[in-house]
């Protein structure tokens, strides 16, 4: 990406399902759903939204191999989307009392997203 025009950060949490994809989708939604870029067409080559580049960096605490990037990509309606997956985010207790110490059902998965837009 030659010119970055927009960076937004979001967090997403799956409180009880330990679903890293659900947390990542929510993080991207959180990053982009309170923003509007009405002037972006005027700076993109040929005014074409398909020329826009979107880089999504996801800080994921666990289960990276289960992350479904196609589901995350569906949250981004325009542009050429790329992903970077890094260690990060958080695993924290959801407050559910465990029956067994090996049980992971008390974990909440927190994913952090950085969405960069440019061309």
PDB file of N, CA and C in Angstrom:
ATOM      1  N   UNK A   1       0.858  -1.162   0.000  1.00  0.00           N
ATOM      2  CA  UNK A   1       0.000   0.000   0.000  1.00  0.00           C
ATOM      3  C   UNK A   1       0.908   1.230   0.000  1.00  0.00           C
ATOM      4  N   UNK A   2       0.751   2.074  -0.997  1.00  0.00           N
ATOM      5  CA  UNK A   2       1.587   3.264  -1.111  1.00  0.00           C
ATOM      6  C   UNK A   2       1.119   4.403  -0.205  1.00  0.00           C
ATOM      7  N   UNK A   3      -0.195   4.592  -0.113  1.00  0.00           N
ATOM      8  CA  UNK A   3      -0.739   5.681   0.695  1.00  0.00           C
ATOM      9  C   UNK A   3      -1.796   5.128   1.638  1.00  0.00           C
ATOM     10  N   UNK A   4      -1.554   5.266   2.928  1.00  0.00           N
ATOM     11  CA  UNK A   4      -2.546   4.887   3.931  1.00  0.00           C
ATOM     12  C   UNK A   4      -3.356   6.133   4.265  1.00  0.00           C
ATOM     13  N   UNK A   5      -4.670   5.998   4.191  1.00  0.00           N
ATOM     14  CA  UNK A   5      -5.543   7.137   4.425  1.00  0.00           C
ATOM     15  C   UNK A   5      -6.368   7.009   5.700  1.00  0.00           C
ATOM     16  N   UNK A   6      -6.485   5.805   6.190  1.00  0.00           N
ATOM     17  CA  UNK A   6      -7.428   5.547   7.269  1.00  0.00           C
ATOM     18  C   UNK A   6      -6.927   4.348   8.065  1.00  0.00           C
ATOM     19  N   UNK A   7      -6.850   4.476   9.368  1.00  0.00           N
ATOM     20  CA  UNK A   7      -6.550   3.342  10.243  1.00  0.00           C
ATOM     21  C   UNK A   7      -7.549   3.399  11.381  1.00  0.00           C
ATOM     22  N   UNK A   8      -8.183   2.280  11.623  1.00  0.00           N
ATOM     23  CA  UNK A   8      -9.126   2.214  12.727  1.00  0.00           C
ATOM     24  C   UNK A   8      -8.884   0.928  13.496  1.00  0.00           C
ATOM     25  N   UNK A   9      -9.065   0.987  14.800  1.00  0.00           N
ATOM     26  CA  UNK A   9      -8.813  -0.138  15.684  1.00  0.00           C
ATOM     27  C   UNK A   9     -10.135  -0.605  16.275  1.00  0.00           C
ATOM     28  N   UNK A  10     -10.280  -1.921  16.397  1.00  0.00           N
ATOM     29  CA  UNK A  10     -11.486  -2.462  17.010  1.00  0.00           C
ATOM     30  C   UNK A  10     -11.174  -3.690  17.843  1.00  0.00           C
ATOM     31  N   UNK A  11     -12.091  -3.991  18.759  1.00  0.00           N
ATOM     32  CA  UNK A  11     -11.972  -5.198  19.559  1.00  0.00           C
ATOM     33  C   UNK A  11     -13.219  -6.049  19.379  1.00  0.00           C
ATOM     34  N   UNK A  12     -13.023  -7.353  19.447  1.00  0.00           N
ATOM     35  CA  UNK A  12     -14.139  -8.280  19.351  1.00  0.00           C
ATOM     36  C   UNK A  12     -13.963  -9.397  20.353  1.00  0.00           C
ATOM     37  N   UNK A  13     -15.071  -9.816  20.933  1.00  0.00           N
ATOM     38  CA  UNK A  13     -15.025 -10.817  21.993  1.00  0.00           C
ATOM     39  C   UNK A  13     -16.041 -11.912  21.720  1.00  0.00           C
ATOM     40  N   UNK A  14     -15.625 -13.162  21.921  1.00  0.00           N
ATOM     41  CA  UNK A  14     -16.564 -14.268  22.025  1.00  0.00           C
ATOM     42  C   UNK A  14     -16.510 -14.718  23.478  1.00  0.00           C
ATOM     43  N   UNK A  15     -17.567 -14.420  24.219  1.00  0.00           N
ATOM     44  CA  UNK A  15     -17.559 -14.627  25.663  1.00  0.00           C
ATOM     45  C   UNK A  15     -17.610 -16.085  26.096  1.00  0.00           C
ATOM     46  N   UNK A  16     -18.355 -16.906  25.372  1.00  0.00           N
ATOM     47  CA  UNK A  16     -18.567 -18.258  25.866  1.00  0.00           C
ATOM     48  C   UNK A  16     -18.272 -19.363  24.866  1.00  0.00           C
ATOM     49  N   UNK A  17     -18.089 -19.039  23.601  1.00  0.00           N
ATOM     50  CA  UNK A  17     -17.957 -20.092  22.598  1.00  0.00           C
ATOM     51  C   UNK A  17     -16.545 -20.442  22.196  1.00  0.00           C
ATOM     52  N   UNK A  18     -15.566 -19.702  22.671  1.00  0.00           N
ATOM     53  CA  UNK A  18     -14.173 -19.896  22.289  1.00  0.00           C
ATOM     54  C   UNK A  18     -14.028 -19.960  20.764  1.00  0.00           C
ATOM     55  N   UNK A  19     -14.722 -19.068  20.072  1.00  0.00           N
ATOM     56  CA  UNK A  19     -14.705 -19.039  18.615  1.00  0.00           C
ATOM     57  C   UNK A  19     -13.885 -17.837  18.160  1.00  0.00           C
ATOM     58  N   UNK A  20     -12.661 -18.104  17.704  1.00  0.00           N
ATOM     59  CA  UNK A  20     -11.743 -17.037  17.321  1.00  0.00           C
ATOM     60  C   UNK A  20     -12.264 -16.289  16.085  1.00  0.00           C
ATOM     61  N   UNK A  21     -12.965 -16.972  15.194  1.00  0.00           N
ATOM     62  CA  UNK A  21     -13.522 -16.301  14.008  1.00  0.00           C
ATOM     63  C   UNK A  21     -14.604 -15.312  14.410  1.00  0.00           C
ATOM     64  N   UNK A  22     -15.478 -15.711  15.300  1.00  0.00           N
ATOM     65  CA  UNK A  22     -16.536 -14.807  15.758  1.00  0.00           C
ATOM     66  C   UNK A  22     -15.929 -13.565  16.417  1.00  0.00           C
ATOM     67  N   UNK A  23     -14.900 -13.754  17.228  1.00  0.00           N
ATOM     68  CA  UNK A  23     -14.242 -12.610  17.873  1.00  0.00           C
ATOM     69  C   UNK A  23     -13.567 -11.716  16.836  1.00  0.00           C
ATOM     70  N   UNK A  24     -12.946 -12.308  15.811  1.00  0.00           N
ATOM     71  CA  UNK A  24     -12.279 -11.520  14.764  1.00  0.00           C
ATOM     72  C   UNK A  24     -13.291 -10.735  13.930  1.00  0.00           C
ATOM     73  N   UNK A  25     -14.408 -11.362  13.577  1.00  0.00           N
ATOM     74  CA  UNK A  25     -15.465 -10.659  12.834  1.00  0.00           C
ATOM     75  C   UNK A  25     -15.953  -9.470  13.643  1.00  0.00           C
ATOM     76  N   UNK A  26     -16.178  -9.676  14.916  1.00  0.00           N
ATOM     77  CA  UNK A  26     -16.657  -8.586  15.769  1.00  0.00           C
ATOM     78  C   UNK A  26     -15.628  -7.473  15.899  1.00  0.00           C
ATOM     79  N   UNK A  27     -14.353  -7.824  15.914  1.00  0.00           N
ATOM     80  CA  UNK A  27     -13.300  -6.807  15.991  1.00  0.00           C
ATOM     81  C   UNK A  27     -13.281  -5.939  14.733  1.00  0.00           C
ATOM     82  N   UNK A  28     -13.410  -6.569  13.565  1.00  0.00           N
ATOM     83  CA  UNK A  28     -13.444  -5.805  12.305  1.00  0.00           C
ATOM     84  C   UNK A  28     -14.704  -4.951  12.246  1.00  0.00           C
ATOM     85  N   UNK A  29     -15.841  -5.506  12.627  1.00  0.00           N
ATOM     86  CA  UNK A  29     -17.073  -4.719  12.653  1.00  0.00           C
ATOM     87  C   UNK A  29     -16.916  -3.504  13.559  1.00  0.00           C
ATOM     88  N   UNK A  30     -16.331  -3.724  14.736  1.00  0.00           N
ATOM     89  CA  UNK A  30     -16.127  -2.631  15.682  1.00  0.00           C
ATOM     90  C   UNK A  30     -15.229  -1.545  15.095  1.00  0.00           C
ATOM     91  N   UNK A  31     -14.239  -1.959  14.326  1.00  0.00           N
ATOM     92  CA  UNK A  31     -13.309  -0.993  13.731  1.00  0.00           C
ATOM     93  C   UNK A  31     -13.955  -0.165  12.632  1.00  0.00           C
ATOM     94  N   UNK A  32     -14.825  -0.759  11.840  1.00  0.00           N
ATOM     95  CA  UNK A  32     -15.303  -0.052  10.641  1.00  0.00           C
ATOM     96  C   UNK A  32     -16.735   0.468  10.711  1.00  0.00           C
ATOM     97  N   UNK A  33     -17.546   0.009  11.627  1.00  0.00           N
ATOM     98  CA  UNK A  33     -18.965   0.344  11.570  1.00  0.00           C
ATOM     99  C   UNK A  33     -19.338   1.720  12.079  1.00  0.00           C
ATOM    100  N   UNK A  34     -18.403   2.449  12.594  1.00  0.00           N
ATOM    101  CA  UNK A  34     -18.715   3.808  13.057  1.00  0.00           C
ATOM    102  C   UNK A  34     -17.960   4.845  12.233  1.00  0.00           C
ATOM    103  N   UNK A  35     -17.652   4.480  10.997  1.00  0.00           N
ATOM    104  CA  UNK A  35     -16.862   5.365  10.143  1.00  0.00           C
ATOM    105  C   UNK A  35     -17.489   5.475   8.769  1.00  0.00           C
ATOM    106  N   UNK A  36     -17.264   6.607   8.150  1.00  0.00           N
ATOM    107  CA  UNK A  36     -17.696   6.831   6.780  1.00  0.00           C
ATOM    108  C   UNK A  36     -16.554   7.527   6.045  1.00  0.00           C
ATOM    109  N   UNK A  37     -16.322   7.118   4.821  1.00  0.00           N
ATOM    110  CA  UNK A  37     -15.257   7.729   4.021  1.00  0.00           C
ATOM    111  C   UNK A  37     -15.856   8.217   2.695  1.00  0.00           C
ATOM    112  N   UNK A  38     -16.713   9.218   2.738  1.00  0.00           N
ATOM    113  CA  UNK A  38     -17.410   9.640   1.522  1.00  0.00           C
ATOM    114  C   UNK A  38     -16.490  10.188   0.436  1.00  0.00           C
ATOM    115  N   UNK A  39     -15.331  10.705   0.786  1.00  0.00           N
ATOM    116  CA  UNK A  39     -14.431  11.278  -0.210  1.00  0.00           C
ATOM    117  C   UNK A  39     -13.420  10.301  -0.783  1.00  0.00           C
ATOM    118  N   UNK A  40     -13.500   9.041  -0.399  1.00  0.00           N
ATOM    119  CA  UNK A  40     -12.452   8.101  -0.815  1.00  0.00           C
ATOM    120  C   UNK A  40     -12.412   7.907  -2.322  1.00  0.00           C
ATOM    121  N   UNK A  41     -13.564   7.912  -2.972  1.00  0.00           N
ATOM    122  CA  UNK A  41     -13.581   7.732  -4.444  1.00  0.00           C
ATOM    123  C   UNK A  41     -12.782   8.817  -5.152  1.00  0.00           C
ATOM    124  N   UNK A  42     -12.783  10.017  -4.585  1.00  0.00           N
ATOM    125  CA  UNK A  42     -12.107  11.132  -5.255  1.00  0.00           C
ATOM    126  C   UNK A  42     -10.586  10.999  -5.247  1.00  0.00           C
ATOM    127  N   UNK A  43     -10.049  10.152  -4.374  1.00  0.00           N
ATOM    128  CA  UNK A  43      -8.598   9.997  -4.328  1.00  0.00           C
ATOM    129  C   UNK A  43      -8.121   8.651  -4.866  1.00  0.00           C
ATOM    130  N   UNK A  44      -9.029   7.717  -5.056  1.00  0.00           N
ATOM    131  CA  UNK A  44      -8.635   6.414  -5.593  1.00  0.00           C
ATOM    132  C   UNK A  44      -8.371   6.510  -7.088  1.00  0.00           C
ATOM    133  N   UNK A  45      -7.435   5.732  -7.592  1.00  0.00           N
ATOM    134  CA  UNK A  45      -7.204   5.706  -9.038  1.00  0.00           C
ATOM    135  C   UNK A  45      -8.514   5.392  -9.786  1.00  0.00           C
ATOM    136  N   UNK A  46      -8.875   6.278 -10.692  1.00  0.00           N
ATOM    137  CA  UNK A  46     -10.085   6.144 -11.505  1.00  0.00           C
ATOM    138  C   UNK A  46     -11.360   6.135 -10.671  1.00  0.00           C
ATOM    139  N   UNK A  47     -11.286   6.531  -9.399  1.00  0.00           N
ATOM    140  CA  UNK A  47     -12.472   6.556  -8.546  1.00  0.00           C
ATOM    141  C   UNK A  47     -13.071   5.192  -8.299  1.00  0.00           C
ATOM    142  N   UNK A  48     -12.287   4.137  -8.486  1.00  0.00           N
ATOM    143  CA  UNK A  48     -12.773   2.764  -8.437  1.00  0.00           C
ATOM    144  C   UNK A  48     -12.534   2.161  -7.052  1.00  0.00           C
ATOM    145  N   UNK A  49     -13.603   1.806  -6.350  1.00  0.00           N
ATOM    146  CA  UNK A  49     -13.471   1.220  -5.021  1.00  0.00           C
ATOM    147  C   UNK A  49     -12.720  -0.105  -5.034  1.00  0.00           C
ATOM    148  N   UNK A  50     -12.676  -0.757  -6.188  1.00  0.00           N
ATOM    149  CA  UNK A  50     -11.910  -1.998  -6.288  1.00  0.00           C
ATOM    150  C   UNK A  50     -10.406  -1.743  -6.270  1.00  0.00           C
ATOM    151  N   UNK A  51      -9.988  -0.485  -6.480  1.00  0.00           N
ATOM    152  CA  UNK A  51      -8.573  -0.122  -6.398  1.00  0.00           C
ATOM    153  C   UNK A  51      -8.128   0.154  -4.963  1.00  0.00           C
ATOM    154  N   UNK A  52      -9.095   0.272  -4.077  1.00  0.00           N
ATOM    155  CA  UNK A  52      -8.788   0.510  -2.674  1.00  0.00           C
ATOM    156  C   UNK A  52      -8.113  -0.734  -2.091  1.00  0.00           C
ATOM    157  N   UNK A  53      -7.116  -0.511  -1.248  1.00  0.00           N
ATOM    158  CA  UNK A  53      -6.438  -1.621  -0.572  1.00  0.00           C
ATOM    159  C   UNK A  53      -6.807  -1.573   0.905  1.00  0.00           C
ATOM    160  N   UNK A  54      -7.086  -2.740   1.439  1.00  0.00           N
ATOM    161  CA  UNK A  54      -7.472  -2.868   2.841  1.00  0.00           C
ATOM    162  C   UNK A  54      -6.579  -3.928   3.467  1.00  0.00           C
ATOM    163  N   UNK A  55      -5.805  -3.521   4.463  1.00  0.00           N
ATOM    164  CA  UNK A  55      -4.995  -4.485   5.201  1.00  0.00           C
ATOM    165  C   UNK A  55      -5.567  -4.613   6.600  1.00  0.00           C
ATOM    166  N   UNK A  56      -5.845  -5.863   6.992  1.00  0.00           N
ATOM    167  CA  UNK A  56      -6.402  -6.135   8.301  1.00  0.00           C
ATOM    168  C   UNK A  56      -5.356  -6.894   9.105  1.00  0.00           C
ATOM    169  N   UNK A  57      -4.951  -6.306  10.216  1.00  0.00           N
ATOM    170  CA  UNK A  57      -4.026  -6.977  11.126  1.00  0.00           C
ATOM    171  C   UNK A  57      -4.854  -7.452  12.317  1.00  0.00           C
ATOM    172  N   UNK A  58      -4.792  -8.750  12.590  1.00  0.00           N
ATOM    173  CA  UNK A  58      -5.553  -9.339  13.685  1.00  0.00           C
ATOM    174  C   UNK A  58      -4.597  -9.874  14.750  1.00  0.00           C
ATOM    175  N   UNK A  59      -4.763  -9.412  15.978  1.00  0.00           N
ATOM    176  CA  UNK A  59      -4.014  -9.940  17.113  1.00  0.00           C
ATOM    177  C   UNK A  59      -4.898 -10.997  17.761  1.00  0.00           C
ATOM    178  N   UNK A  60      -4.470 -12.249  17.652  1.00  0.00           N
ATOM    179  CA  UNK A  60      -5.290 -13.409  18.006  1.00  0.00           C
ATOM    180  C   UNK A  60      -4.629 -14.155  19.164  1.00  0.00           C
ATOM    181  N   UNK A  61      -5.396 -14.465  20.236  1.00  0.00           N
ATOM    182  CA  UNK A  61      -4.792 -15.080  21.410  1.00  0.00           C
ATOM    183  C   UNK A  61      -4.632 -16.599  21.351  1.00  0.00           C
ATOM    184  N   UNK A  62      -5.416 -17.281  20.521  1.00  0.00           N
ATOM    185  CA  UNK A  62      -5.382 -18.748  20.481  1.00  0.00           C
ATOM    186  C   UNK A  62      -6.115 -19.232  19.237  1.00  0.00           C
ATOM    187  N   UNK A  63      -5.905 -20.492  18.904  1.00  0.00           N
ATOM    188  CA  UNK A  63      -6.646 -21.167  17.828  1.00  0.00           C
ATOM    189  C   UNK A  63      -6.514 -20.493  16.466  1.00  0.00           C
ATOM    190  N   UNK A  64      -5.330 -19.970  16.164  1.00  0.00           N
ATOM    191  CA  UNK A  64      -5.121 -19.315  14.862  1.00  0.00           C
ATOM    192  C   UNK A  64      -5.478 -20.237  13.703  1.00  0.00           C
ATOM    193  N   UNK A  65      -5.218 -21.526  13.871  1.00  0.00           N
ATOM    194  CA  UNK A  65      -5.492 -22.488  12.793  1.00  0.00           C
ATOM    195  C   UNK A  65      -6.996 -22.640  12.528  1.00  0.00           C
ATOM    196  N   UNK A  66      -7.844 -22.185  13.438  1.00  0.00           N
ATOM    197  CA  UNK A  66      -9.294 -22.273  13.264  1.00  0.00           C
ATOM    198  C   UNK A  66      -9.899 -20.979  12.712  1.00  0.00           C
ATOM    199  N   UNK A  67      -9.081 -19.953  12.542  1.00  0.00           N
ATOM    200  CA  UNK A  67      -9.558 -18.659  12.062  1.00  0.00           C
ATOM    201  C   UNK A  67      -9.980 -18.753  10.606  1.00  0.00           C
ATOM    202  N   UNK A  68     -11.239 -18.419  10.322  1.00  0.00           N
ATOM    203  CA  UNK A  68     -11.797 -18.457   8.967  1.00  0.00           C
ATOM    204  C   UNK A  68     -11.743 -17.040   8.389  1.00  0.00           C
ATOM    205  N   UNK A  69     -10.713 -16.768   7.609  1.00  0.00           N
ATOM    206  CA  UNK A  69     -10.520 -15.415   7.069  1.00  0.00           C
ATOM    207  C   UNK A  69     -11.575 -15.043   6.041  1.00  0.00           C
ATOM    208  N   UNK A  70     -12.187 -16.018   5.395  1.00  0.00           N
ATOM    209  CA  UNK A  70     -13.250 -15.695   4.439  1.00  0.00           C
ATOM    210  C   UNK A  70     -14.451 -15.083   5.151  1.00  0.00           C
ATOM    211  N   UNK A  71     -14.774 -15.570   6.336  1.00  0.00           N
ATOM    212  CA  UNK A  71     -15.866 -14.961   7.106  1.00  0.00           C
ATOM    213  C   UNK A  71     -15.514 -13.540   7.516  1.00  0.00           C
ATOM    214  N   UNK A  72     -14.275 -13.325   7.876  1.00  0.00           N
ATOM    215  CA  UNK A  72     -13.845 -11.971   8.251  1.00  0.00           C
ATOM    216  C   UNK A  72     -13.872 -11.064   7.025  1.00  0.00           C
ATOM    217  N   UNK A  73     -13.412 -11.564   5.879  1.00  0.00           N
ATOM    218  CA  UNK A  73     -13.382 -10.792   4.631  1.00  0.00           C
ATOM    219  C   UNK A  73     -14.785 -10.305   4.232  1.00  0.00           C
ATOM    220  N   UNK A  74     -15.805 -11.098   4.532  1.00  0.00           N
ATOM    221  CA  UNK A  74     -17.179 -10.722   4.176  1.00  0.00           C
ATOM    222  C   UNK A  74     -17.622  -9.415   4.846  1.00  0.00           C
ATOM    223  N   UNK A  75     -16.957  -9.023   5.905  1.00  0.00           N
ATOM    224  CA  UNK A  75     -17.300  -7.770   6.586  1.00  0.00           C
ATOM    225  C   UNK A  75     -16.780  -6.538   5.849  1.00  0.00           C
ATOM    226  N   UNK A  76     -15.923  -6.742   4.861  1.00  0.00           N
ATOM    227  CA  UNK A  76     -15.284  -5.644   4.131  1.00  0.00           C
ATOM    228  C   UNK A  76     -15.813  -5.637   2.700  1.00  0.00           C
ATOM    229  N   UNK A  77     -16.760  -4.753   2.397  1.00  0.00           N
ATOM    230  CA  UNK A  77     -17.470  -4.826   1.121  1.00  0.00           C
ATOM    231  C   UNK A  77     -16.678  -4.386  -0.105  1.00  0.00           C
ATOM    232  N   UNK A  78     -15.589  -3.652   0.076  1.00  0.00           N
ATOM    233  CA  UNK A  78     -14.851  -3.111  -1.060  1.00  0.00           C
ATOM    234  C   UNK A  78     -13.365  -3.359  -0.900  1.00  0.00           C
ATOM    235  N   UNK A  79     -12.683  -3.296  -2.009  1.00  0.00           N
ATOM    236  CA  UNK A  79     -11.229  -3.275  -1.975  1.00  0.00           C
ATOM    237  C   UNK A  79     -10.557  -4.631  -2.059  1.00  0.00           C
ATOM    238  N   UNK A  80      -9.249  -4.546  -2.176  1.00  0.00           N
ATOM    239  CA  UNK A  80      -8.374  -5.717  -2.209  1.00  0.00           C
ATOM    240  C   UNK A  80      -7.907  -5.946  -0.782  1.00  0.00           C
ATOM    241  N   UNK A  81      -8.401  -7.017  -0.168  1.00  0.00           N
ATOM    242  CA  UNK A  81      -8.189  -7.247   1.261  1.00  0.00           C
ATOM    243  C   UNK A  81      -7.030  -8.211   1.487  1.00  0.00           C
ATOM    244  N   UNK A  82      -6.127  -7.826   2.388  1.00  0.00           N
ATOM    245  CA  UNK A  82      -5.049  -8.709   2.830  1.00  0.00           C
ATOM    246  C   UNK A  82      -5.115  -8.803   4.352  1.00  0.00           C
ATOM    247  N   UNK A  83      -4.525  -9.867   4.866  1.00  0.00           N
ATOM    248  CA  UNK A  83      -4.535 -10.105   6.308  1.00  0.00           C
ATOM    249  C   UNK A  83      -3.136 -10.334   6.837  1.00  0.00           C
ATOM    250  N   UNK A  84      -2.914  -9.879   8.055  1.00  0.00           N
ATOM    251  CA  UNK A  84      -1.741 -10.237   8.836  1.00  0.00           C
ATOM    252  C   UNK A  84      -2.264 -10.761  10.164  1.00  0.00           C
ATOM    253  N   UNK A  85      -1.840 -11.942  10.553  1.00  0.00           N
ATOM    254  CA  UNK A  85      -2.260 -12.535  11.816  1.00  0.00           C
ATOM    255  C   UNK A  85      -1.050 -12.549  12.743  1.00  0.00           C
ATOM    256  N   UNK A  86      -1.209 -11.951  13.912  1.00  0.00           N
ATOM    257  CA  UNK A  86      -0.101 -11.883  14.863  1.00  0.00           C
ATOM    258  C   UNK A  86      -0.575 -12.408  16.226  1.00  0.00           C
ATOM    259  N   UNK A  87       0.392 -12.748  17.076  1.00  0.00           N
ATOM    260  CA  UNK A  87       0.071 -13.128  18.447  1.00  0.00           C
ATOM    261  C   UNK A  87      -0.402 -11.891  19.192  1.00  0.00           C
ATOM    262  N   UNK A  88      -1.425 -12.063  19.996  1.00  0.00           N
ATOM    263  CA  UNK A  88      -1.915 -10.940  20.779  1.00  0.00           C
ATOM    264  C   UNK A  88      -3.321 -11.190  21.256  1.00  0.00           C
ATOM    265  N   UNK A  89      -4.061 -10.135  21.476  1.00  0.00           N
ATOM    266  CA  UNK A  89      -5.395 -10.282  22.025  1.00  0.00           C
ATOM    267  C   UNK A  89      -5.324 -10.731  23.469  1.00  0.00           C
ATOM    268  N   UNK A  90      -6.352 -11.455  23.892  1.00  0.00           N
ATOM    269  CA  UNK A  90      -6.393 -11.877  25.285  1.00  0.00           C
ATOM    270  C   UNK A  90      -7.303 -13.073  25.450  1.00  0.00           C
ATOM    271  N   UNK A  91      -6.911 -13.951  26.336  1.00  0.00           N
ATOM    272  CA  UNK A  91      -7.793 -14.982  26.875  1.00  0.00           C
ATOM    273  C   UNK A  91      -8.055 -14.575  28.316  1.00  0.00           C
ATOM    274  N   UNK A  92      -9.322 -14.497  28.689  1.00  0.00           N
ATOM    275  CA  UNK A  92      -9.653 -14.114  30.057  1.00  0.00           C
ATOM    276  C   UNK A  92     -10.869 -14.896  30.503  1.00  0.00           C
ATOM    277  N   UNK A  93     -11.089 -14.957  31.769  1.00  0.00           N
ATOM    278  CA  UNK A  93     -12.221 -15.711  32.297  1.00  0.00           C
ATOM    279  C   UNK A  93     -13.530 -15.018  31.943  1.00  0.00           C
ATOM    280  N   UNK A  94     -14.512 -15.819  31.575  1.00  0.00           N
ATOM    281  CA  UNK A  94     -15.856 -15.288  31.336  1.00  0.00           C
ATOM    282  C   UNK A  94     -16.695 -15.349  32.608  1.00  0.00           C
ATOM    283  N   UNK A  95     -16.115 -15.915  33.672  1.00  0.00           N
ATOM    284  CA  UNK A  95     -16.819 -15.989  34.948  1.00  0.00           C
ATOM    285  C   UNK A  95     -17.600 -17.276  35.144  1.00  0.00           C
ATOM    286  N   UNK A  96     -17.578 -18.159  34.170  1.00  0.00           N
ATOM    287  CA  UNK A  96     -18.274 -19.438  34.301  1.00  0.00           C
ATOM    288  C   UNK A  96     -17.467 -20.325  35.244  1.00  0.00           C
ATOM    289  N   UNK A  97     -18.135 -20.916  36.207  1.00  0.00           N
ATOM    290  CA  UNK A  97     -17.453 -21.826  37.125  1.00  0.00           C
ATOM    291  C   UNK A  97     -17.171 -23.137  36.412  1.00  0.00           C
ATOM    292  N   UNK A  98     -15.952 -23.624  36.560  1.00  0.00           N
ATOM    293  CA  UNK A  98     -15.547 -24.849  35.881  1.00  0.00           C
ATOM    294  C   UNK A  98     -15.844 -26.075  36.711  1.00  0.00           C
ATOM    295  N   UNK A  99     -16.275 -27.138  36.015  1.00  0.00           N
ATOM    296  CA  UNK A  99     -16.450 -28.440  36.648  1.00  0.00           C
ATOM    297  C   UNK A  99     -15.110 -29.151  36.744  1.00  0.00           C
ATOM    298  N   UNK A 100     -14.261 -28.901  35.751  1.00  0.00           N
ATOM    299  CA  UNK A 100     -13.017 -29.648  35.613  1.00  0.00           C
ATOM    300  C   UNK A 100     -11.925 -28.651  35.240  1.00  0.00           C
ATOM    301  N   UNK A 101     -10.770 -28.763  35.823  1.00  0.00           N
ATOM    302  CA  UNK A 101      -9.667 -27.831  35.533  1.00  0.00           C
ATOM    303  C   UNK A 101      -9.244 -27.859  34.068  1.00  0.00           C
ATOM    304  N   UNK A 102      -9.495 -28.965  33.360  1.00  0.00           N
ATOM    305  CA  UNK A 102      -9.113 -29.077  31.949  1.00  0.00           C
ATOM    306  C   UNK A 102     -10.148 -28.424  31.038  1.00  0.00           C
ATOM    307  N   UNK A 103     -11.294 -28.098  31.565  1.00  0.00           N
ATOM    308  CA  UNK A 103     -12.376 -27.508  30.787  1.00  0.00           C
ATOM    309  C   UNK A 103     -12.003 -26.077  30.408  1.00  0.00           C
ATOM    310  N   UNK A 104     -12.190 -25.708  29.138  1.00  0.00           N
ATOM    311  CA  UNK A 104     -11.855 -24.355  28.682  1.00  0.00           C
ATOM    312  C   UNK A 104     -13.084 -23.479  28.550  1.00  0.00           C
ATOM    313  N   UNK A 105     -14.240 -23.942  28.972  1.00  0.00           N
ATOM    314  CA  UNK A 105     -15.471 -23.196  28.743  1.00  0.00           C
ATOM    315  C   UNK A 105     -15.533 -21.861  29.456  1.00  0.00           C
ATOM    316  N   UNK A 106     -14.625 -21.613  30.400  1.00  0.00           N
ATOM    317  CA  UNK A 106     -14.682 -20.317  31.066  1.00  0.00           C
ATOM    318  C   UNK A 106     -13.928 -19.240  30.310  1.00  0.00           C
ATOM    319  N   UNK A 107     -13.264 -19.578  29.204  1.00  0.00           N
ATOM    320  CA  UNK A 107     -12.433 -18.595  28.514  1.00  0.00           C
ATOM    321  C   UNK A 107     -13.234 -17.710  27.564  1.00  0.00           C
ATOM    322  N   UNK A 108     -12.982 -16.415  27.652  1.00  0.00           N
ATOM    323  CA  UNK A 108     -13.477 -15.455  26.661  1.00  0.00           C
ATOM    324  C   UNK A 108     -12.303 -15.120  25.751  1.00  0.00           C
ATOM    325  N   UNK A 109     -12.544 -15.145  24.432  1.00  0.00           N
ATOM    326  CA  UNK A 109     -11.513 -14.827  23.445  1.00  0.00           C
ATOM    327  C   UNK A 109     -11.668 -13.368  23.031  1.00  0.00           C
ATOM    328  N   UNK A 110     -10.589 -12.604  23.148  1.00  0.00           N
ATOM    329  CA  UNK A 110     -10.584 -11.199  22.737  1.00  0.00           C
ATOM    330  C   UNK A 110      -9.591 -11.053  21.588  1.00  0.00           C
ATOM    331  N   UNK A 111     -10.076 -10.536  20.457  1.00  0.00           N
ATOM    332  CA  UNK A 111      -9.244 -10.286  19.277  1.00  0.00           C
ATOM    333  C   UNK A 111      -9.209  -8.783  19.043  1.00  0.00           C
ATOM    334  N   UNK A 112      -8.046  -8.270  18.682  1.00  0.00           N
ATOM    335  CA  UNK A 112      -7.867  -6.858  18.337  1.00  0.00           C
ATOM    336  C   UNK A 112      -7.652  -6.770  16.826  1.00  0.00           C
ATOM    337  N   UNK A 113      -8.324  -5.823  16.178  1.00  0.00           N
ATOM    338  CA  UNK A 113      -8.166  -5.619  14.737  1.00  0.00           C
ATOM    339  C   UNK A 113      -7.681  -4.203  14.461  1.00  0.00           C
ATOM    340  N   UNK A 114      -6.751  -4.099  13.529  1.00  0.00           N
ATOM    341  CA  UNK A 114      -6.348  -2.820  12.963  1.00  0.00           C
ATOM    342  C   UNK A 114      -6.679  -2.891  11.474  1.00  0.00           C
ATOM    343  N   UNK A 115      -7.525  -1.977  11.021  1.00  0.00           N
ATOM    344  CA  UNK A 115      -7.936  -1.954   9.621  1.00  0.00           C
ATOM    345  C   UNK A 115      -7.318  -0.724   8.967  1.00  0.00           C
ATOM    346  N   UNK A 116      -6.456  -0.964   7.987  1.00  0.00           N
ATOM    347  CA  UNK A 116      -5.785   0.109   7.248  1.00  0.00           C
ATOM    348  C   UNK A 116      -6.379   0.192   5.852  1.00  0.00           C
ATOM    349  N   UNK A 117      -6.727   1.391   5.426  1.00  0.00           N
ATOM    350  CA  UNK A 117      -7.316   1.602   4.106  1.00  0.00           C
ATOM    351  C   UNK A 117      -6.479   2.627   3.359  1.00  0.00           C
ATOM    352  N   UNK A 118      -6.235   2.333   2.108  1.00  0.00           N
ATOM    353  CA  UNK A 118      -5.475   3.256   1.267  1.00  0.00           C
ATOM    354  C   UNK A 118      -5.468   2.765  -0.161  1.00  0.00           C
ATOM    355  N   UNK A 119      -4.389   3.084  -0.865  1.00  0.00           N
ATOM    356  CA  UNK A 119      -4.249   2.625  -2.253  1.00  0.00           C
ATOM    357  C   UNK A 119      -2.788   2.580  -2.628  1.00  0.00           C
TER     358      UNK A 119
END
